[in-house]
Amino acid sequence: MFEERLNVLSQMMAEHMAAPFPPGFHSLDIEGQDMVLLDADVYGLASVALKHPLDEQRRGGLLRLTVAFERVLPAIDDEYAAKYYMHVCDMAVLAAGIEASREMRPDQTGEPMRSQR
C-alpha cells in the first residue's frame, strides 16, 4: 500500500510536469500566495517525499501549503488554472499522507521510523 502511494505520487508529478502552466499566473498573487511559488514549493517537497522522510521544517511547510489551498482554490476563476492547481493540491495532500504514514510504518526492527532519529 505504501509503495503504491509513492507510485501514484510519482505519476501525478509526471502528469504535472507535462501540463502547461496556466497563462496569466506567472506574476499573480492570490490571497497573498505567489502562484508560481505555490506550484514550485509543492513539487519540490513532493520530490523529496518520494525519496525519503521529510525533516520537521519540510513537514511543516507541506502542511502550510495544504492549508494555503483552502484560501487559494476558491479564488481561482479560470477553469484550466483551477484544474491545474487542484492537481497541485492533490499532490500536496498525497505527499502529506505519505509522510504521515511513514510515522506509522515500522522499519525492520519493528520500531516506528521517526523513533530512530
C-alpha atoms as a PDB file:
ATOM      1  CA  MET A   1       0.000   0.000   0.000  1.00  0.00           C
ATOM      2  CA  PHE A   2       2.794   2.446   0.916  1.00  0.00           C
ATOM      3  CA  GLU A   3       4.716   1.726  -2.298  1.00  0.00           C
ATOM      4  CA  GLU A   4       1.504   2.151  -4.304  1.00  0.00           C
ATOM      5  CA  ARG A   5       1.041   5.632  -2.842  1.00  0.00           C
ATOM      6  CA  LEU A   6       4.611   6.529  -3.783  1.00  0.00           C
ATOM      7  CA  ASN A   7       3.929   5.293  -7.319  1.00  0.00           C
ATOM      8  CA  VAL A   8       0.735   7.355  -7.538  1.00  0.00           C
ATOM      9  CA  LEU A   9       2.594  10.460  -6.364  1.00  0.00           C
ATOM     10  CA  SER A  10       5.341   9.841  -8.912  1.00  0.00           C
ATOM     11  CA  GLN A  11       2.741   9.508 -11.683  1.00  0.00           C
ATOM     12  CA  MET A  12       0.949  12.672 -10.545  1.00  0.00           C
ATOM     13  CA  MET A  13       4.227  14.555 -10.623  1.00  0.00           C
ATOM     14  CA  ALA A  14       4.959  13.345 -14.162  1.00  0.00           C
ATOM     15  CA  GLU A  15       1.482  14.442 -15.269  1.00  0.00           C
ATOM     16  CA  HIS A  16       2.028  17.798 -13.608  1.00  0.00           C
ATOM     17  CA  MET A  17       5.317  18.374 -15.422  1.00  0.00           C
ATOM     18  CA  ALA A  18       3.605  17.616 -18.749  1.00  0.00           C
ATOM     19  CA  ALA A  19       0.837  20.172 -18.124  1.00  0.00           C
ATOM     20  CA  PRO A  20       1.390  23.749 -19.261  1.00  0.00           C
ATOM     21  CA  PHE A  21       1.486  26.359 -16.521  1.00  0.00           C
ATOM     22  CA  PRO A  22      -1.723  28.414 -16.518  1.00  0.00           C
ATOM     23  CA  PRO A  23      -1.430  31.530 -18.696  1.00  0.00           C
ATOM     24  CA  GLY A  24      -1.524  34.736 -16.691  1.00  0.00           C
ATOM     25  CA  PHE A  25      -0.486  33.092 -13.421  1.00  0.00           C
ATOM     26  CA  HIS A  26       3.268  33.768 -13.670  1.00  0.00           C
ATOM     27  CA  SER A  27       3.125  37.093 -11.818  1.00  0.00           C
ATOM     28  CA  LEU A  28      -0.057  36.505  -9.893  1.00  0.00           C
ATOM     29  CA  ASP A  29      -0.693  36.502  -6.161  1.00  0.00           C
ATOM     30  CA  ILE A  30      -3.986  35.080  -4.943  1.00  0.00           C
ATOM     31  CA  GLU A  31      -4.957  35.520  -1.314  1.00  0.00           C
ATOM     32  CA  GLY A  32      -1.369  36.580  -0.563  1.00  0.00           C
ATOM     33  CA  GLN A  33       0.082  33.459  -2.188  1.00  0.00           C
ATOM     34  CA  ASP A  34       2.516  33.682  -5.117  1.00  0.00           C
ATOM     35  CA  MET A  35       1.126  31.125  -7.543  1.00  0.00           C
ATOM     36  CA  VAL A  36       4.493  30.197  -9.076  1.00  0.00           C
ATOM     37  CA  LEU A  37       5.999  29.577  -5.641  1.00  0.00           C
ATOM     38  CA  LEU A  38       2.967  27.579  -4.540  1.00  0.00           C
ATOM     39  CA  ASP A  39       3.436  25.289  -7.526  1.00  0.00           C
ATOM     40  CA  ALA A  40       7.218  25.025  -7.155  1.00  0.00           C
ATOM     41  CA  ASP A  41       7.155  24.502  -3.391  1.00  0.00           C
ATOM     42  CA  VAL A  42       4.656  21.649  -3.591  1.00  0.00           C
ATOM     43  CA  TYR A  43       6.582  19.961  -6.393  1.00  0.00           C
ATOM     44  CA  GLY A  44       9.889  20.322  -4.558  1.00  0.00           C
ATOM     45  CA  LEU A  45       8.561  18.908  -1.288  1.00  0.00           C
ATOM     46  CA  ALA A  46       6.778  16.071  -3.085  1.00  0.00           C
ATOM     47  CA  SER A  47      10.047  15.228  -4.876  1.00  0.00           C
ATOM     48  CA  VAL A  48      11.861  14.940  -1.545  1.00  0.00           C
ATOM     49  CA  ALA A  49       8.998  12.910  -0.025  1.00  0.00           C
ATOM     50  CA  LEU A  50       9.350  10.370  -2.841  1.00  0.00           C
ATOM     51  CA  LYS A  51      12.940   9.664  -1.813  1.00  0.00           C
ATOM     52  CA  HIS A  52      12.973   9.840   1.970  1.00  0.00           C
ATOM     53  CA  PRO A  53      11.160  11.192   5.023  1.00  0.00           C
ATOM     54  CA  LEU A  54      10.864  14.948   5.299  1.00  0.00           C
ATOM     55  CA  ASP A  55      12.557  16.762   8.138  1.00  0.00           C
ATOM     56  CA  GLU A  56      10.415  18.705  10.594  1.00  0.00           C
ATOM     57  CA  GLN A  57      10.760  22.002   8.730  1.00  0.00           C
ATOM     58  CA  ARG A  58       9.706  20.480   5.403  1.00  0.00           C
ATOM     59  CA  ARG A  59       6.787  18.612   7.006  1.00  0.00           C
ATOM     60  CA  GLY A  60       5.582  21.913   8.449  1.00  0.00           C
ATOM     61  CA  GLY A  61       5.994  23.615   5.082  1.00  0.00           C
ATOM     62  CA  LEU A  62       3.968  20.934   3.350  1.00  0.00           C
ATOM     63  CA  LEU A  63       1.176  21.284   5.887  1.00  0.00           C
ATOM     64  CA  ARG A  64       1.181  25.077   5.494  1.00  0.00           C
ATOM     65  CA  LEU A  65       0.896  24.664   1.736  1.00  0.00           C
ATOM     66  CA  THR A  66      -2.091  22.342   2.040  1.00  0.00           C
ATOM     67  CA  VAL A  67      -3.784  24.988   4.192  1.00  0.00           C
ATOM     68  CA  ALA A  68      -2.957  27.697   1.618  1.00  0.00           C
ATOM     69  CA  PHE A  69      -5.005  25.800  -0.957  1.00  0.00           C
ATOM     70  CA  GLU A  70      -8.106  26.263   1.201  1.00  0.00           C
ATOM     71  CA  ARG A  71      -7.827  30.009   0.552  1.00  0.00           C
ATOM     72  CA  VAL A  72      -6.458  29.924  -2.975  1.00  0.00           C
ATOM     73  CA  LEU A  73      -8.602  27.351  -4.777  1.00  0.00           C
ATOM     74  CA  PRO A  74     -11.969  29.079  -4.241  1.00  0.00           C
ATOM     75  CA  ALA A  75     -10.462  32.350  -5.535  1.00  0.00           C
ATOM     76  CA  ILE A  76      -9.334  30.913  -8.893  1.00  0.00           C
ATOM     77  CA  ASP A  77     -11.894  31.799 -11.543  1.00  0.00           C
ATOM     78  CA  ASP A  78     -10.112  30.309 -14.571  1.00  0.00           C
ATOM     79  CA  GLU A  79     -11.273  26.749 -15.351  1.00  0.00           C
ATOM     80  CA  TYR A  80      -7.908  25.439 -16.556  1.00  0.00           C
ATOM     81  CA  ALA A  81      -5.997  27.087 -13.684  1.00  0.00           C
ATOM     82  CA  ALA A  82      -8.479  25.706 -11.150  1.00  0.00           C
ATOM     83  CA  LYS A  83      -7.950  22.189 -12.516  1.00  0.00           C
ATOM     84  CA  TYR A  84      -4.178  22.689 -12.631  1.00  0.00           C
ATOM     85  CA  TYR A  85      -3.967  23.905  -9.036  1.00  0.00           C
ATOM     86  CA  MET A  86      -6.385  21.235  -7.814  1.00  0.00           C
ATOM     87  CA  HIS A  87      -3.893  18.713  -9.163  1.00  0.00           C
ATOM     88  CA  VAL A  88      -1.077  20.516  -7.302  1.00  0.00           C
ATOM     89  CA  CYS A  89      -3.210  20.459  -4.144  1.00  0.00           C
ATOM     90  CA  ASP A  90      -3.840  16.732  -4.584  1.00  0.00           C
ATOM     91  CA  MET A  91      -0.065  16.172  -4.842  1.00  0.00           C
ATOM     92  CA  ALA A  92       0.468  18.109  -1.617  1.00  0.00           C
ATOM     93  CA  VAL A  93      -2.244  16.165   0.201  1.00  0.00           C
ATOM     94  CA  LEU A  94      -0.890  12.825  -1.042  1.00  0.00           C
ATOM     95  CA  ALA A  95       2.687  13.761  -0.079  1.00  0.00           C
ATOM     96  CA  ALA A  96       1.458  14.780   3.389  1.00  0.00           C
ATOM     97  CA  GLY A  97      -0.402  11.474   3.680  1.00  0.00           C
ATOM     98  CA  ILE A  98       2.686   9.536   2.648  1.00  0.00           C
ATOM     99  CA  GLU A  99       4.696  11.445   5.220  1.00  0.00           C
ATOM    100  CA  ALA A 100       2.130  10.737   7.950  1.00  0.00           C
ATOM    101  CA  SER A 101       2.092   7.044   7.082  1.00  0.00           C
ATOM    102  CA  ARG A 102       5.880   6.922   7.399  1.00  0.00           C
ATOM    103  CA  GLU A 103       5.464   7.712  11.068  1.00  0.00           C
ATOM    104  CA  MET A 104       3.244   4.658  11.457  1.00  0.00           C
ATOM    105  CA  ARG A 105       5.313   2.327   9.278  1.00  0.00           C
ATOM    106  CA  PRO A 106       7.728   0.132  11.233  1.00  0.00           C
ATOM    107  CA  ASP A 107      11.232  -0.408   9.951  1.00  0.00           C
ATOM    108  CA  GLN A 108      12.925  -3.814  10.031  1.00  0.00           C
ATOM    109  CA  THR A 109      13.284  -3.651  13.815  1.00  0.00           C
ATOM    110  CA  GLY A 110       9.556  -3.118  14.308  1.00  0.00           C
ATOM    111  CA  GLU A 111      10.057   0.427  15.605  1.00  0.00           C
ATOM    112  CA  PRO A 112       8.278   3.379  14.016  1.00  0.00           C
ATOM    113  CA  MET A 113      10.679   5.123  11.623  1.00  0.00           C
ATOM    114  CA  ARG A 114      10.614   8.507  13.398  1.00  0.00           C
ATOM    115  CA  SER A 115      11.693   7.000  16.728  1.00  0.00           C
ATOM    116  CA  GLN A 116      15.141   6.205  15.356  1.00  0.00           C
ATOM    117  CA  ARG A 117      16.147   9.838  14.945  1.00  0.00           C
END
